[in-house]
Amino acid sequence: MQTESLLKEPVNLIITGVGGQGNILVSEIVAQTGCRQKYNVVVGESYGLSQRGGAVSSHARLFRHQEYGPIIPLGKADIIFGFEPLEAVRQAVDYGHKNSCLIINSHPVYPIGVRRGKNKVPSLELLFKKLREIVAEVLIIPATKLAGQLGEAMVQNVGMVGALAGSGCLPFRADSFIEVIKKVVPPKARALNEKAFYLGLEEVQKIKSLK
């Protein structure tokens, strides 16, 4: 499915998660891939606490004609790309709209208060159900589990990029992403990241084939 976001400008993408999950790398991959497809791309700074465990989000806007600032207005995110489901839900509530596409890692990273039993959060199943009632598409990707199959949890971010490539939410071919990944990832980590990318791509294709 290619969303309505491709029929207008700008294409607004929010990348969200917690510190240490690779938001900056993914922002760079998306931006460089967009540039290679002759889009102009502006990327906003990360917001929140960028240290490991703190909430982080980045804004990326892709366009070819009129220029836009780096900050996405409320209710205008066409794609929300979440490494952490609770943060993705928060961003969707503020920035999503009825035609938004959400791509979310299924593995939560709970705040300290929740882990200690002081605070409670709704079940992920309930949250995802509510999201499906208000946006066009919600794709839940077991990115952390897939990365675990490769023996390296840190490549979950590139696995999610593979899911983005396979979702149809951006008009970029998979090989365009791979070209950029080879450029920005250190040589010794390229093979592992490529494997993670294709695992994410295959996973989202399986999910979409069942719809």
Protein backbone atom coordinates (compact mmCIF):
# COMPACT_ATOMS: atom_id res chain seq x y z
CA MET A 1 0.00 0.00 0.00
CA GLN A 2 1.29 3.45 -0.90
CA THR A 3 -0.30 6.03 1.34
CA GLU A 4 -1.87 9.32 0.36
CA SER A 5 1.31 10.95 1.68
CA LEU A 6 2.97 10.24 -1.68
CA LEU A 7 0.43 12.36 -3.53
CA LYS A 8 1.31 15.59 -1.74
CA GLU A 9 4.21 17.55 -0.36
CA PRO A 10 5.86 17.38 2.02
CA VAL A 11 6.05 13.75 3.07
CA ASN A 12 6.30 14.00 6.87
CA LEU A 13 8.08 11.25 8.80
CA ILE A 14 8.61 10.99 12.56
CA ILE A 15 11.26 8.61 13.89
CA THR A 16 10.78 7.91 17.57
CA GLY A 17 12.09 5.68 20.33
CA VAL A 18 14.39 5.92 23.31
CA GLY A 19 18.04 6.87 23.52
CA GLY A 20 20.41 4.18 22.31
CA GLN A 21 18.05 2.69 19.70
CA GLY A 22 19.68 4.35 16.70
CA ASN A 23 17.36 7.24 15.81
CA ILE A 24 20.20 9.33 14.40
CA LEU A 25 21.48 6.58 12.12
CA VAL A 26 18.01 5.91 10.75
CA SER A 27 17.40 9.63 10.20
CA GLU A 28 20.60 9.74 8.18
CA ILE A 29 19.64 6.66 6.14
CA VAL A 30 16.20 8.08 5.33
CA ALA A 31 17.59 11.52 4.48
CA GLN A 32 20.32 10.22 2.20
CA THR A 33 17.95 7.79 0.50
CA GLY A 34 15.52 10.63 -0.12
CA CYS A 35 18.26 12.81 -1.58
CA ARG A 36 19.26 10.02 -3.96
CA GLN A 37 15.65 9.93 -5.15
CA LYS A 38 15.87 13.68 -5.91
CA TYR A 39 13.91 14.79 -2.87
CA ASN A 40 14.94 17.73 -0.76
CA VAL A 41 15.10 16.58 2.85
CA VAL A 42 15.16 18.52 6.11
CA VAL A 43 15.69 16.70 9.39
CA GLY A 44 14.86 18.25 12.75
CA GLU A 45 17.02 17.72 15.79
CA SER A 46 16.26 14.94 18.23
CA TYR A 47 14.00 16.03 21.04
CA GLY A 48 13.90 14.78 24.60
CA LEU A 49 16.66 13.02 26.50
CA SER A 50 19.07 11.47 24.05
CA GLN A 51 20.94 9.47 26.66
CA ARG A 52 20.18 5.78 26.76
CA GLY A 53 16.63 5.19 27.96
CA GLY A 54 15.27 8.72 27.44
CA ALA A 55 12.54 9.48 24.91
CA VAL A 56 13.82 10.73 21.54
CA SER A 57 12.10 11.73 18.32
CA SER A 58 13.31 13.21 15.05
CA HIS A 59 11.34 14.86 12.26
CA ALA A 60 12.15 14.34 8.57
CA ARG A 61 10.35 16.18 5.77
CA LEU A 62 10.75 15.26 2.10
CA PHE A 63 9.72 17.54 -0.75
CA ARG A 64 10.62 18.54 -4.31
CA HIS A 65 9.11 21.99 -4.80
CA GLN A 66 8.13 24.35 -2.00
CA GLU A 67 10.57 24.46 0.92
CA TYR A 68 9.50 23.54 4.44
CA GLY A 69 10.91 23.94 7.92
CA PRO A 70 12.23 20.97 9.91
CA ILE A 71 9.38 20.72 12.43
CA ILE A 72 6.25 18.75 11.53
CA PRO A 73 3.02 20.46 12.69
CA LEU A 74 0.69 18.60 15.03
CA GLY A 75 -1.58 16.18 13.19
CA LYS A 76 0.53 16.21 10.02
CA ALA A 77 2.80 13.13 10.27
CA ASP A 78 2.25 10.84 7.29
CA ILE A 79 4.55 8.11 8.64
CA ILE A 80 5.39 7.38 12.28
CA PHE A 81 8.32 5.04 12.60
CA GLY A 82 8.68 3.78 16.16
CA PHE A 83 11.46 1.73 17.72
CA GLU A 84 9.54 1.72 21.00
CA PRO A 85 5.76 1.17 20.96
CA LEU A 86 4.76 3.47 23.83
CA GLU A 87 6.70 6.37 22.32
CA ALA A 88 5.19 5.61 18.91
CA VAL A 89 1.70 5.76 20.39
CA ARG A 90 2.44 9.11 22.04
CA GLN A 91 3.65 10.53 18.75
CA ALA A 92 0.64 9.11 16.91
CA VAL A 93 -1.78 10.79 19.30
CA ASP A 94 -0.13 14.19 18.76
CA TYR A 95 0.99 13.99 15.14
CA GLY A 96 -1.00 11.25 13.42
CA HIS A 97 -4.00 11.68 11.13
CA LYS A 98 -6.52 9.33 9.52
CA ASN A 99 -4.21 8.52 6.58
CA SER A 100 -1.04 8.01 8.63
CA CYS A 101 1.04 4.85 8.30
CA LEU A 102 2.54 3.56 11.57
CA ILE A 103 5.46 1.13 11.61
CA ILE A 104 6.18 0.04 15.16
CA ASN A 105 8.62 -2.31 16.86
CA SER A 106 6.62 -4.62 19.11
CA HIS A 107 9.18 -4.71 21.95
CA PRO A 108 8.56 -2.13 24.72
CA VAL A 109 11.18 -0.37 26.83
CA TYR A 110 9.24 0.54 29.94
CA PRO A 111 10.09 3.60 32.09
CA ILE A 112 11.66 2.99 35.49
CA GLY A 113 8.40 3.74 37.28
CA VAL A 114 6.60 1.00 35.36
CA ARG A 115 9.42 -1.50 35.87
CA ARG A 116 9.33 -0.85 39.62
CA GLY A 117 5.57 -1.27 39.74
CA LYS A 118 4.87 2.35 40.69
CA ASN A 119 3.16 3.27 37.43
CA LYS A 120 0.95 1.37 35.02
CA VAL A 121 0.49 1.55 31.27
CA PRO A 122 -2.30 0.09 29.11
CA SER A 123 -1.60 -3.20 27.39
CA LEU A 124 0.08 -2.94 24.01
CA GLU A 125 -2.76 -4.94 22.45
CA LEU A 126 -5.27 -2.31 23.58
CA LEU A 127 -3.09 0.55 22.38
CA PHE A 128 -2.59 -1.02 18.96
CA LYS A 129 -6.32 -1.69 18.66
CA LYS A 130 -7.09 1.96 19.37
CA LEU A 131 -4.47 3.09 16.85
CA ARG A 132 -6.04 0.95 14.14
CA GLU A 133 -9.30 2.80 14.74
CA ILE A 134 -7.79 6.22 14.03
CA VAL A 135 -5.10 5.76 11.34
CA ALA A 136 -4.94 4.09 7.93
CA GLU A 137 -2.33 1.43 8.62
CA VAL A 138 -0.52 0.00 11.64
CA LEU A 139 2.31 -2.45 10.99
CA ILE A 140 3.69 -4.17 14.10
CA ILE A 141 7.20 -5.52 13.50
CA PRO A 142 9.04 -7.86 15.95
CA ALA A 143 12.28 -6.03 15.17
CA THR A 144 13.97 -6.79 18.48
CA LYS A 145 13.21 -10.50 18.09
CA LEU A 146 14.49 -10.51 14.50
CA ALA A 147 17.70 -8.78 15.55
CA GLY A 148 18.09 -11.40 18.28
CA GLN A 149 18.09 -14.08 15.60
CA LEU A 150 21.23 -12.42 14.24
CA GLY A 151 22.82 -12.25 17.68
CA GLU A 152 22.97 -8.45 17.81
CA ALA A 153 20.09 -6.44 19.25
CA MET A 154 21.53 -3.15 18.01
CA VAL A 155 20.65 -3.92 14.38
CA GLN A 156 16.94 -3.74 15.17
CA ASN A 157 16.99 -0.17 13.85
CA VAL A 158 18.14 -1.24 10.38
CA GLY A 159 15.66 -4.11 10.51
CA MET A 160 12.97 -1.49 10.97
CA VAL A 161 14.33 0.38 7.95
CA GLY A 162 13.77 -2.82 5.99
CA ALA A 163 10.18 -2.84 7.21
CA LEU A 164 9.81 0.77 6.06
CA ALA A 165 11.19 -0.16 2.65
CA GLY A 166 8.71 -3.02 2.31
CA SER A 167 5.71 -1.13 3.63
CA GLY A 168 5.10 0.98 0.53
CA CYS A 169 4.75 4.07 2.73
CA LEU A 170 7.71 5.71 0.97
CA PRO A 171 8.34 5.57 -2.79
CA PHE A 172 11.89 4.22 -2.41
CA ARG A 173 13.11 0.84 -3.64
CA ALA A 174 14.87 -1.51 -1.23
CA ASP A 175 18.13 -1.31 -3.16
CA SER A 176 18.15 2.48 -2.70
CA PHE A 177 18.18 2.00 1.07
CA ILE A 178 20.86 -0.70 0.80
CA GLU A 179 23.15 1.62 -1.16
CA VAL A 180 22.96 4.17 1.64
CA ILE A 181 23.36 1.57 4.40
CA LYS A 182 26.58 0.40 2.76
CA LYS A 183 27.78 3.99 2.79
CA VAL A 184 26.95 4.97 6.38
CA VAL A 185 27.54 1.69 8.25
CA PRO A 186 31.16 0.72 9.10
CA PRO A 187 32.53 -2.00 6.77
CA LYS A 188 32.75 -4.67 9.47
CA ALA A 189 29.05 -4.23 10.31
CA ARG A 190 27.65 -4.02 6.77
CA ALA A 191 26.86 -7.71 6.23
CA LEU A 192 25.00 -7.98 9.54
CA ASN A 193 23.02 -4.81 8.88
CA GLU A 194 22.07 -5.98 5.40
CA LYS A 195 20.77 -9.23 6.89
CA ALA A 196 18.74 -7.24 9.43
CA PHE A 197 17.35 -5.03 6.67
CA TYR A 198 16.11 -7.98 4.64
CA LEU A 199 14.63 -9.70 7.69
CA GLY A 200 12.57 -6.58 8.35
CA LEU A 201 11.61 -6.33 4.70
CA GLU A 202 10.48 -9.95 4.54
CA GLU A 203 8.56 -9.61 7.81
CA VAL A 204 6.49 -6.65 6.66
CA GLN A 205 5.79 -8.35 3.33
CA LYS A 206 4.44 -11.37 5.22
CA ILE A 207 2.26 -9.13 7.37
CA LYS A 208 0.86 -7.29 4.37
CA SER A 209 0.20 -10.53 2.48
CA LEU A 210 -2.16 -11.61 5.26
CA LYS A 211 -4.30 -8.49 5.06
